[in-house]
Amino acid sequence: MLTSKGQMTTPKEVRNALNLKPAEKVVIVMEGDHAVIKPLRGNILDIGGPIKIPEKEKPIYFCKVREEV
């Protein structure tokens, strides 16, 4: 269940399985239609691998646009 602020409580079994401590950060990664909770430890690249940016959110390189115009 989510609160009105979008927060949720992680069940004790999950916290124990991931060895999570109070105030420890986690990351939620989408894998298809599933969300996977992973502890945020070490290098961020170890957790999710390459980051995919949707085409509409990719930055615009103005130097390249200038050259094309």
N, C-alpha and C. Protein backbone atom coordinates (compact mmCIF):
# COMPACT_ATOMS: atom_id res chain seq x y z
N MET A 1 0.85 -1.18 0.00
CA MET A 1 0.00 0.00 0.00
C MET A 1 0.89 1.24 0.00
N LEU A 2 0.56 2.20 -0.84
CA LEU A 2 1.29 3.45 -0.90
C LEU A 2 0.59 4.52 -0.08
N THR A 3 1.39 5.39 0.53
CA THR A 3 0.81 6.53 1.24
C THR A 3 0.47 7.61 0.22
N SER A 4 -0.16 8.68 0.67
CA SER A 4 -0.50 9.78 -0.23
C SER A 4 0.76 10.46 -0.77
N LYS A 5 1.90 10.25 -0.12
CA LYS A 5 3.17 10.82 -0.58
C LYS A 5 3.94 9.85 -1.47
N GLY A 6 3.35 8.69 -1.78
CA GLY A 6 4.02 7.71 -2.64
C GLY A 6 5.02 6.85 -1.90
N GLN A 7 4.99 6.86 -0.58
CA GLN A 7 5.91 6.04 0.21
C GLN A 7 5.30 4.68 0.48
N MET A 8 6.18 3.69 0.68
CA MET A 8 5.69 2.36 1.02
C MET A 8 6.59 1.74 2.09
N THR A 9 6.02 0.81 2.81
CA THR A 9 6.78 0.09 3.82
C THR A 9 7.28 -1.21 3.22
N THR A 10 8.57 -1.47 3.38
CA THR A 10 9.16 -2.71 2.89
C THR A 10 8.94 -3.79 3.94
N PRO A 11 8.35 -4.91 3.57
CA PRO A 11 8.09 -5.98 4.54
C PRO A 11 9.39 -6.46 5.22
N LYS A 12 9.26 -6.89 6.46
CA LYS A 12 10.41 -7.33 7.24
C LYS A 12 11.18 -8.44 6.55
N GLU A 13 10.47 -9.40 5.92
CA GLU A 13 11.14 -10.50 5.24
C GLU A 13 12.06 -9.98 4.12
N VAL A 14 11.60 -8.95 3.42
CA VAL A 14 12.40 -8.37 2.34
C VAL A 14 13.60 -7.62 2.92
N ARG A 15 13.36 -6.83 3.96
CA ARG A 15 14.48 -6.10 4.61
C ARG A 15 15.53 -7.08 5.10
N ASN A 16 15.11 -8.17 5.71
CA ASN A 16 16.06 -9.17 6.21
C ASN A 16 16.81 -9.84 5.06
N ALA A 17 16.09 -10.21 4.00
CA ALA A 17 16.72 -10.88 2.86
C ALA A 17 17.76 -10.00 2.18
N LEU A 18 17.51 -8.68 2.15
CA LEU A 18 18.44 -7.74 1.53
C LEU A 18 19.42 -7.14 2.53
N ASN A 19 19.29 -7.56 3.80
CA ASN A 19 20.15 -7.05 4.87
C ASN A 19 20.11 -5.52 4.94
N LEU A 20 18.89 -4.97 4.87
CA LEU A 20 18.71 -3.52 4.91
C LEU A 20 18.66 -3.02 6.34
N LYS A 21 19.31 -1.90 6.55
CA LYS A 21 19.32 -1.23 7.86
C LYS A 21 18.45 0.02 7.78
N PRO A 22 17.97 0.54 8.93
CA PRO A 22 17.16 1.76 8.91
C PRO A 22 17.89 2.90 8.19
N ALA A 23 17.16 3.65 7.39
CA ALA A 23 17.63 4.82 6.64
C ALA A 23 18.56 4.45 5.48
N GLU A 24 18.77 3.15 5.22
CA GLU A 24 19.60 2.74 4.09
C GLU A 24 18.83 2.99 2.80
N LYS A 25 19.53 3.39 1.76
CA LYS A 25 18.89 3.71 0.49
C LYS A 25 18.78 2.46 -0.39
N VAL A 26 17.70 2.43 -1.17
CA VAL A 26 17.49 1.36 -2.14
C VAL A 26 17.16 2.02 -3.48
N VAL A 27 17.26 1.24 -4.52
CA VAL A 27 16.86 1.70 -5.84
C VAL A 27 15.83 0.71 -6.37
N ILE A 28 14.83 1.22 -7.07
CA ILE A 28 13.81 0.36 -7.67
C ILE A 28 14.04 0.39 -9.17
N VAL A 29 14.30 -0.78 -9.74
CA VAL A 29 14.61 -0.91 -11.16
C VAL A 29 13.46 -1.62 -11.85
N MET A 30 13.01 -1.07 -12.97
CA MET A 30 11.95 -1.72 -13.74
C MET A 30 12.56 -2.78 -14.64
N GLU A 31 12.01 -3.98 -14.59
CA GLU A 31 12.41 -5.08 -15.46
C GLU A 31 11.14 -5.61 -16.11
N GLY A 32 10.86 -5.10 -17.29
CA GLY A 32 9.60 -5.43 -17.96
C GLY A 32 8.45 -4.84 -17.19
N ASP A 33 7.52 -5.69 -16.76
CA ASP A 33 6.37 -5.21 -15.99
C ASP A 33 6.55 -5.46 -14.49
N HIS A 34 7.81 -5.71 -14.06
CA HIS A 34 8.12 -5.94 -12.65
C HIS A 34 9.05 -4.86 -12.12
N ALA A 35 8.90 -4.51 -10.85
CA ALA A 35 9.82 -3.61 -10.18
C ALA A 35 10.69 -4.44 -9.24
N VAL A 36 12.00 -4.22 -9.28
CA VAL A 36 12.94 -4.96 -8.46
C VAL A 36 13.62 -3.99 -7.50
N ILE A 37 13.60 -4.31 -6.20
CA ILE A 37 14.24 -3.47 -5.18
C ILE A 37 15.66 -3.97 -4.96
N LYS A 38 16.63 -3.05 -5.08
CA LYS A 38 18.03 -3.42 -4.86
C LYS A 38 18.65 -2.44 -3.88
N PRO A 39 19.48 -2.92 -2.94
CA PRO A 39 20.16 -2.02 -2.02
C PRO A 39 21.11 -1.10 -2.80
N LEU A 40 21.20 0.15 -2.40
CA LEU A 40 22.08 1.10 -3.05
C LEU A 40 23.41 1.08 -2.32
N ARG A 41 24.28 0.19 -2.77
CA ARG A 41 25.60 0.03 -2.18
C ARG A 41 26.63 0.01 -3.29
N GLY A 42 27.81 0.51 -3.01
CA GLY A 42 28.89 0.45 -4.00
C GLY A 42 28.64 1.37 -5.16
N ASN A 43 29.04 0.94 -6.35
CA ASN A 43 28.97 1.72 -7.56
C ASN A 43 27.57 1.64 -8.17
N ILE A 44 27.01 2.77 -8.56
CA ILE A 44 25.66 2.78 -9.12
C ILE A 44 25.58 1.94 -10.40
N LEU A 45 26.68 1.82 -11.15
CA LEU A 45 26.66 1.02 -12.37
C LEU A 45 26.56 -0.47 -12.08
N ASP A 46 26.97 -0.89 -10.88
CA ASP A 46 26.85 -2.29 -10.50
C ASP A 46 25.39 -2.69 -10.32
N ILE A 47 24.55 -1.73 -10.00
CA ILE A 47 23.16 -2.02 -9.68
C ILE A 47 22.31 -2.18 -10.93
N GLY A 48 22.35 -1.21 -11.83
CA GLY A 48 21.43 -1.23 -12.95
C GLY A 48 22.07 -1.41 -14.30
N GLY A 49 23.37 -1.37 -14.38
CA GLY A 49 24.01 -1.46 -15.68
C GLY A 49 23.79 -0.18 -16.46
N PRO A 50 23.77 -0.29 -17.79
CA PRO A 50 23.60 0.91 -18.60
C PRO A 50 22.22 1.53 -18.39
N ILE A 51 22.17 2.83 -18.39
CA ILE A 51 20.92 3.55 -18.20
C ILE A 51 20.34 3.88 -19.57
N LYS A 52 19.08 3.56 -19.77
CA LYS A 52 18.41 3.85 -21.03
C LYS A 52 17.59 5.12 -20.88
N ILE A 53 17.86 6.10 -21.73
CA ILE A 53 17.13 7.36 -21.70
C ILE A 53 16.14 7.35 -22.86
N PRO A 54 14.85 7.59 -22.57
CA PRO A 54 13.87 7.63 -23.65
C PRO A 54 14.25 8.68 -24.68
N GLU A 55 13.99 8.41 -25.95
CA GLU A 55 14.38 9.30 -27.06
C GLU A 55 13.91 10.72 -26.82
N LYS A 56 12.67 10.90 -26.34
CA LYS A 56 12.12 12.25 -26.15
C LYS A 56 12.80 13.00 -25.00
N GLU A 57 13.54 12.31 -24.14
CA GLU A 57 14.20 12.95 -23.01
C GLU A 57 15.70 13.14 -23.22
N LYS A 58 16.21 12.73 -24.39
CA LYS A 58 17.63 12.87 -24.65
C LYS A 58 17.96 14.35 -24.85
N PRO A 59 19.17 14.77 -24.44
CA PRO A 59 19.53 16.18 -24.59
C PRO A 59 19.69 16.57 -26.05
N ILE A 60 19.50 17.85 -26.32
CA ILE A 60 19.68 18.39 -27.66
C ILE A 60 21.07 19.03 -27.70
N TYR A 61 21.87 18.67 -28.69
CA TYR A 61 23.20 19.24 -28.83
C TYR A 61 23.10 20.41 -29.80
N PHE A 62 23.10 21.62 -29.24
CA PHE A 62 22.85 22.81 -30.05
C PHE A 62 23.94 23.05 -31.09
N CYS A 63 25.18 22.66 -30.81
CA CYS A 63 26.25 22.82 -31.81
C CYS A 63 25.93 22.01 -33.06
N LYS A 64 25.42 20.80 -32.87
CA LYS A 64 25.07 19.94 -34.00
C LYS A 64 23.88 20.53 -34.77
N VAL A 65 22.90 21.07 -34.05
CA VAL A 65 21.73 21.68 -34.68
C VAL A 65 22.17 22.88 -35.52
N ARG A 66 23.09 23.68 -34.98
CA ARG A 66 23.61 24.84 -35.71
C ARG A 66 24.26 24.43 -37.02
N GLU A 67 25.07 23.35 -36.97
CA GLU A 67 25.76 22.88 -38.16
C GLU A 67 24.78 22.42 -39.23
N GLU A 68 23.68 21.82 -38.80
CA GLU A 68 22.69 21.32 -39.73
C GLU A 68 21.87 22.45 -40.38
N VAL A 69 21.78 23.59 -39.69
CA VAL A 69 20.99 24.71 -40.19
C VAL A 69 21.84 25.59 -41.01
